Every structure is written in structure tokens, then in C-alpha cells.
Amino acid sequence: KYLRGLFSGGTLAYETLLILLDYLPNLYSNIPLKKEQALANPLVSHKHTILDLGEDEFTVGRPHPMLDNTLRLQRLAKEASDPEVAIILLDVVLGYGAHPDPASELAPALSNAISSAQKNGRNLEVIVTVVGTDEDPQDLKAQIKKFKTAGARVETSSREAALYVGQRLQSQEKATELTAVDLKVLQQPLQAINVGLASFSESLRQQGATVIHVDWRPPAGGNEKLISILERMKKS
């Protein structure tokens, strides 16, 4: 039902907010684009939420989430256990000065979150945006492989990840707006109006259906030339 984005910094979180505004009207954040979209409490998510965990309210007295996954792991466990959460979106930034192997900690947590949701009869989709190069010390391909093995969808572009999430949630919201069909209607006795061949109405009556037969035949016996003449006569 809802999205929870757990970002290690503001740049990708802000880009994601900009893209998702076209898809999700009820989008909240601790770095909102509009005042009315500000979270009342950054520690408590509301509907669709994008969090910048690198903001001061999360980093005072602790290492930045690009270096230390502790805060994100705690928030991930909390969000994943929420039965109303359908998608979790993460960013993982590689390079010098970042965590030496972020997937070693995040991938097992994501795998546990997905399996726990399945055991509880719900589907939890996880999308991870991995930003880096082949020359980064964390090994880009190895990081991607670990996240995919954990069951996550991996993107290397935050834009593509945001577009995917937006389209997924938009389609879900449209599906929930459809009016449910009352299947009891199909259990009611069949009533039919038959136009044309009388044999059809007789067949329905034999099956116990209530039928009104309309003895209709095409004008001029269906002769196209005669029908054309009749049409011209009507217009004259």
C-alpha cells in the first residue's frame, strides 16, 4: 500500500521526491518540497514517506549513515514490519569515505524483511539504488549481486528507481479504486430478452430462464438494395 524510502543522504532523496510528486499526491518527508508534506515527527512515517537519514535530527551524536548502517537497519526493521508498507526504497552510495561493504549488512536485513512479510501473507518489494563505479573499493558488481541474491530489485539510477516505484504504486492505487463486483448477482435467476431467432428463446426456457421474445426481422428481409431504396424514400 505505502512506500518507505530510507536514504543515506539528501541529494538522491530530493531527486526521488521530485519524480514521485507526479505519481503520489500523499507523499511526506523530513525534507519536504512543500510545507504540507512535512512529517510531524521524522521518527514516525506517514503514508508514502521519503526519509533523508543524513539530516541533523538523525546524525547528531552518531556517524553518518553512509558510514554506519545501524540507524538504517533499525528503521528498516520497523518499516518492514508495518503491514501497510508495500515497497521499501534504499540508496547505497559506494566510494572512498563510504561503508567498506554496505551489502554485507543491508542485504541480510532485506532478505529477512522480505521473508518475514511472506510468512505473514504479504508481499514486500524492495528496490535498492546502487550508485558507484567499477573502480570503487566496494566492488560495484559484487554489491549488486548481494542485493539481488537477497531478493531486492537493483537499479543503478535513482531516476529509474523512482520512476519504477511511482508507476508501481500508481497502478496499485488505480486498482483499489475499481468498484468491486457483487458476485451474488451471478447467483440470481437468469432473465433474458431475446431478439430475433425464436429457437434461442426456446432453448433458454428449457433451462428454466425467464425469457421475453421479440419477433424482430431486418427491414426488407435483409436485402441491401431494398433497404437502400427505403432509406432514400424516408429522406425524400
Protein backbone atom coordinates (compact mmCIF):
# COMPACT_ATOMS: atom_id res chain seq x y z
CA LYS A 1 0.00 0.00 0.00
CA TYR A 2 2.63 2.55 1.06
CA LEU A 3 6.22 3.41 0.17
CA ARG A 4 9.01 3.98 2.66
CA GLY A 5 12.21 5.45 1.26
CA LEU A 6 15.24 5.25 3.54
CA PHE A 7 18.01 7.39 2.06
CA SER A 8 21.52 7.89 3.38
CA GLY A 9 21.67 11.46 2.07
CA GLY A 10 19.62 14.35 0.79
CA THR A 11 20.64 14.50 -2.88
CA LEU A 12 19.05 11.25 -4.03
CA ALA A 13 16.17 11.65 -1.58
CA TYR A 14 15.37 15.08 -3.02
CA GLU A 15 15.57 13.80 -6.60
CA THR A 16 13.21 10.95 -5.70
CA LEU A 17 10.74 13.39 -4.14
CA LEU A 18 10.70 15.50 -7.30
CA ILE A 19 9.96 12.49 -9.51
CA LEU A 20 7.37 10.89 -7.23
CA LEU A 21 5.32 14.08 -6.94
CA ASP A 22 3.88 13.27 -10.37
CA TYR A 23 2.68 9.89 -9.11
CA LEU A 24 1.91 10.14 -5.40
CA PRO A 25 -0.14 13.04 -4.00
CA ASN A 26 0.19 11.82 -0.41
CA LEU A 27 3.97 12.00 -0.13
CA TYR A 28 5.68 13.06 3.10
CA SER A 29 9.27 13.70 4.12
CA ASN A 30 11.63 15.27 6.63
CA ILE A 31 12.96 17.31 3.68
CA PRO A 32 9.59 18.17 2.08
CA LEU A 33 9.19 20.04 -1.18
CA LYS A 34 6.01 21.62 0.21
CA LYS A 35 5.21 22.64 3.78
CA GLU A 36 2.08 20.50 3.89
CA GLN A 37 4.19 17.43 3.12
CA ALA A 38 6.41 17.77 6.18
CA LEU A 39 6.38 14.88 8.62
CA ALA A 40 5.05 15.87 12.02
CA ASN A 41 7.65 13.56 13.54
CA PRO A 42 10.57 12.23 11.46
CA LEU A 43 10.68 9.18 13.72
CA VAL A 44 7.19 8.18 12.59
CA SER A 45 6.41 7.63 8.91
CA HIS A 46 3.09 8.71 7.43
CA LYS A 47 1.54 7.19 4.31
CA HIS A 48 4.14 7.42 1.50
CA THR A 49 7.34 8.62 3.20
CA ILE A 50 10.80 9.56 1.94
CA LEU A 51 13.41 9.98 4.67
CA ASP A 52 16.80 11.62 4.50
CA LEU A 53 18.57 9.81 7.32
CA GLY A 54 21.56 12.09 6.87
CA GLU A 55 19.66 15.08 8.28
CA ASP A 56 20.72 16.59 11.62
CA GLU A 57 17.84 15.04 13.58
CA PHE A 58 19.28 11.62 12.78
CA THR A 59 23.04 12.26 12.75
CA VAL A 60 23.70 14.32 15.90
CA GLY A 61 26.00 12.24 18.09
CA ARG A 62 26.31 9.37 15.63
CA PRO A 63 28.18 8.57 12.38
CA HIS A 64 26.63 9.46 9.03
CA PRO A 65 24.50 6.63 7.52
CA MET A 66 26.86 6.39 4.55
CA LEU A 67 29.44 5.11 7.03
CA ASP A 68 27.29 3.37 9.62
CA ASN A 69 24.18 1.32 8.74
CA THR A 70 22.93 0.98 12.32
CA LEU A 71 20.22 3.63 12.11
CA ARG A 72 19.02 2.48 8.72
CA LEU A 73 18.89 -1.15 9.82
CA GLN A 74 16.75 -0.16 12.81
CA ARG A 75 14.39 1.91 10.68
CA LEU A 76 14.27 -0.81 8.02
CA ALA A 77 13.11 -3.39 10.58
CA LYS A 78 10.44 -1.01 11.83
CA GLU A 79 9.09 -0.10 8.39
CA ALA A 80 9.21 -3.66 7.06
CA SER A 81 7.08 -4.90 9.95
CA ASP A 82 4.33 -2.38 9.15
CA PRO A 83 1.54 -4.34 7.37
CA GLU A 84 0.63 -1.24 5.32
CA VAL A 85 4.09 -0.97 3.75
CA ALA A 86 4.32 -2.46 0.25
CA ILE A 87 7.62 -1.05 -1.04
CA ILE A 88 10.90 -0.11 0.60
CA LEU A 89 13.36 2.00 -1.38
CA LEU A 90 17.02 2.36 -0.40
CA ASP A 91 20.07 4.09 -1.80
CA VAL A 92 23.57 2.69 -1.42
CA VAL A 93 26.43 5.02 -2.30
CA LEU A 94 29.84 3.47 -2.93
CA GLY A 95 33.25 5.09 -2.97
CA TYR A 96 36.03 6.21 -0.69
CA GLY A 97 34.66 7.52 2.59
CA ALA A 98 31.61 5.24 2.43
CA HIS A 99 30.97 1.95 4.24
CA PRO A 100 33.51 -0.65 3.05
CA ASP A 101 30.84 -3.28 2.34
CA PRO A 102 27.29 -1.97 2.82
CA ALA A 103 25.64 -5.03 1.27
CA SER A 104 27.19 -7.29 3.91
CA GLU A 105 24.89 -5.67 6.49
CA LEU A 106 21.94 -4.43 4.45
CA ALA A 107 21.37 -7.46 2.19
CA PRO A 108 20.72 -9.96 5.04
CA ALA A 109 18.35 -7.48 6.68
CA LEU A 110 16.45 -7.03 3.42
CA SER A 111 16.24 -10.78 2.91
CA ASN A 112 14.83 -11.22 6.42
CA ALA A 113 12.31 -8.43 5.86
CA ILE A 114 11.06 -9.98 2.62
CA SER A 115 10.78 -13.49 4.08
CA SER A 116 9.05 -12.24 7.24
CA ALA A 117 6.48 -10.40 5.14
CA GLN A 118 5.84 -13.54 3.09
CA LYS A 119 5.31 -15.60 6.25
CA ASN A 120 2.69 -13.06 7.31
CA GLY A 121 0.89 -13.37 3.99
CA ARG A 122 2.00 -10.11 2.42
CA ASN A 123 4.31 -9.08 -0.39
CA LEU A 124 7.11 -6.64 0.41
CA GLU A 125 9.03 -5.32 -2.56
CA VAL A 126 12.49 -3.86 -2.02
CA ILE A 127 14.28 -1.62 -4.51
CA VAL A 128 17.92 -0.68 -4.00
CA THR A 129 19.68 2.02 -5.98
CA VAL A 130 23.40 1.30 -6.00
CA VAL A 131 25.46 4.33 -7.03
CA GLY A 132 29.09 3.69 -7.84
CA THR A 133 31.67 2.65 -10.42
CA ASP A 134 33.70 -0.45 -11.19
CA GLU A 135 36.73 1.27 -9.65
CA ASP A 136 35.14 1.79 -6.23
CA PRO A 137 36.76 -0.26 -3.43
CA GLN A 138 33.42 -1.90 -2.52
CA ASP A 139 33.23 -3.66 -5.95
CA LEU A 140 30.05 -2.47 -7.68
CA LYS A 141 29.20 -5.83 -9.27
CA ALA A 142 29.67 -7.72 -6.01
CA GLN A 143 27.40 -5.28 -4.17
CA ILE A 144 24.68 -5.59 -6.80
CA LYS A 145 24.90 -9.38 -6.72
CA LYS A 146 24.45 -9.49 -2.94
CA PHE A 147 21.35 -7.31 -3.07
CA LYS A 148 19.81 -9.32 -5.91
CA THR A 149 20.51 -12.56 -4.04
CA ALA A 150 18.67 -11.08 -1.06
CA GLY A 151 15.59 -10.64 -3.25
CA ALA A 152 15.83 -6.93 -3.99
CA ARG A 153 15.37 -5.22 -7.32
CA VAL A 154 18.54 -3.28 -8.09
CA GLU A 155 18.85 -0.08 -10.11
CA THR A 156 21.97 1.97 -10.79
CA SER A 157 19.99 5.15 -11.44
CA SER A 158 17.92 6.85 -8.76
CA ARG A 159 15.70 8.27 -11.50
CA GLU A 160 14.90 4.83 -12.88
CA ALA A 161 14.24 3.52 -9.38
CA ALA A 162 11.87 6.39 -8.60
CA LEU A 163 10.01 6.00 -11.90
CA TYR A 164 9.57 2.29 -11.29
CA VAL A 165 8.25 2.87 -7.77
CA GLY A 166 5.92 5.64 -8.91
CA GLN A 167 4.41 3.55 -11.69
CA ARG A 168 4.02 0.52 -9.41
CA LEU A 169 2.21 2.44 -6.69
CA GLN A 170 0.10 4.43 -9.13
CA SER A 171 -1.14 1.23 -10.76
CA GLN A 172 -1.92 -0.24 -7.33
CA GLU A 173 -3.92 2.83 -6.31
CA LYS A 174 -5.92 2.74 -9.55
CA ALA A 175 -6.67 -0.94 -8.99
CA THR A 176 -8.03 -0.27 -5.50
CA GLU A 177 -10.31 2.44 -6.90
CA LEU A 178 -12.20 -0.08 -9.05
CA THR A 179 -15.68 -0.91 -7.80
CA ALA A 180 -15.96 -4.45 -6.55
CA VAL A 181 -18.47 -6.67 -8.34
CA ASP A 182 -21.08 -8.31 -6.15
CA LEU A 183 -20.83 -11.95 -7.21
CA LYS A 184 -24.23 -12.66 -5.65
CA VAL A 185 -25.73 -11.15 -8.79
CA LEU A 186 -24.48 -14.15 -10.73
CA GLN A 187 -26.48 -16.42 -8.43
CA GLN A 188 -29.79 -14.75 -9.28
CA PRO A 189 -32.22 -16.44 -11.72
CA LEU A 190 -31.42 -15.60 -15.33
CA GLN A 191 -33.78 -13.22 -17.11
CA ALA A 192 -33.31 -12.55 -20.80
CA ILE A 193 -34.71 -10.59 -23.72
CA ASN A 194 -34.26 -12.49 -26.95
CA VAL A 195 -34.34 -10.58 -30.23
CA GLY A 196 -34.54 -12.49 -33.49
CA LEU A 197 -34.46 -16.26 -33.70
CA ALA A 198 -37.20 -17.87 -31.62
CA SER A 199 -35.12 -21.02 -31.16
CA PHE A 200 -32.80 -19.12 -28.81
CA SER A 201 -35.66 -18.16 -26.50
CA GLU A 202 -36.98 -21.74 -26.50
CA SER A 203 -33.57 -23.03 -25.51
CA LEU A 204 -33.43 -20.61 -22.57
CA ARG A 205 -36.94 -21.55 -21.42
CA GLN A 206 -35.98 -25.22 -21.41
CA GLN A 207 -33.19 -24.31 -18.98
CA GLY A 208 -35.62 -22.59 -16.63
CA ALA A 209 -34.87 -19.00 -17.57
CA THR A 210 -37.46 -16.25 -17.82
CA VAL A 211 -37.45 -15.04 -21.44
CA ILE A 212 -39.20 -12.27 -23.34
CA HIS A 213 -39.05 -12.93 -27.06
CA VAL A 214 -39.12 -10.04 -29.52
CA ASP A 215 -40.08 -11.13 -33.01
CA TRP A 216 -37.75 -8.82 -34.92
CA ARG A 217 -36.69 -9.16 -38.52
CA PRO A 218 -34.45 -6.90 -40.60
CA PRO A 219 -36.20 -4.47 -42.98
CA ALA A 220 -36.81 -5.75 -46.50
CA GLY A 221 -35.77 -9.22 -45.41
CA GLY A 222 -32.17 -8.05 -45.18
CA ASN A 223 -31.94 -7.18 -48.88
CA GLU A 224 -29.38 -4.36 -49.01
CA LYS A 225 -30.70 -2.84 -52.26
CA LEU A 226 -34.25 -2.68 -50.94
CA ILE A 227 -33.02 -1.26 -47.63
CA SER A 228 -31.16 1.47 -49.54
CA ILE A 229 -34.32 2.33 -51.50
CA LEU A 230 -36.35 2.50 -48.28
CA GLU A 231 -33.79 4.82 -46.70
CA ARG A 232 -33.94 7.19 -49.68
CA MET A 233 -37.74 7.16 -49.54
CA LYS A 234 -37.62 8.18 -45.87
CA LYS A 235 -35.38 11.15 -46.67
CA SER A 236 -37.48 12.37 -49.59
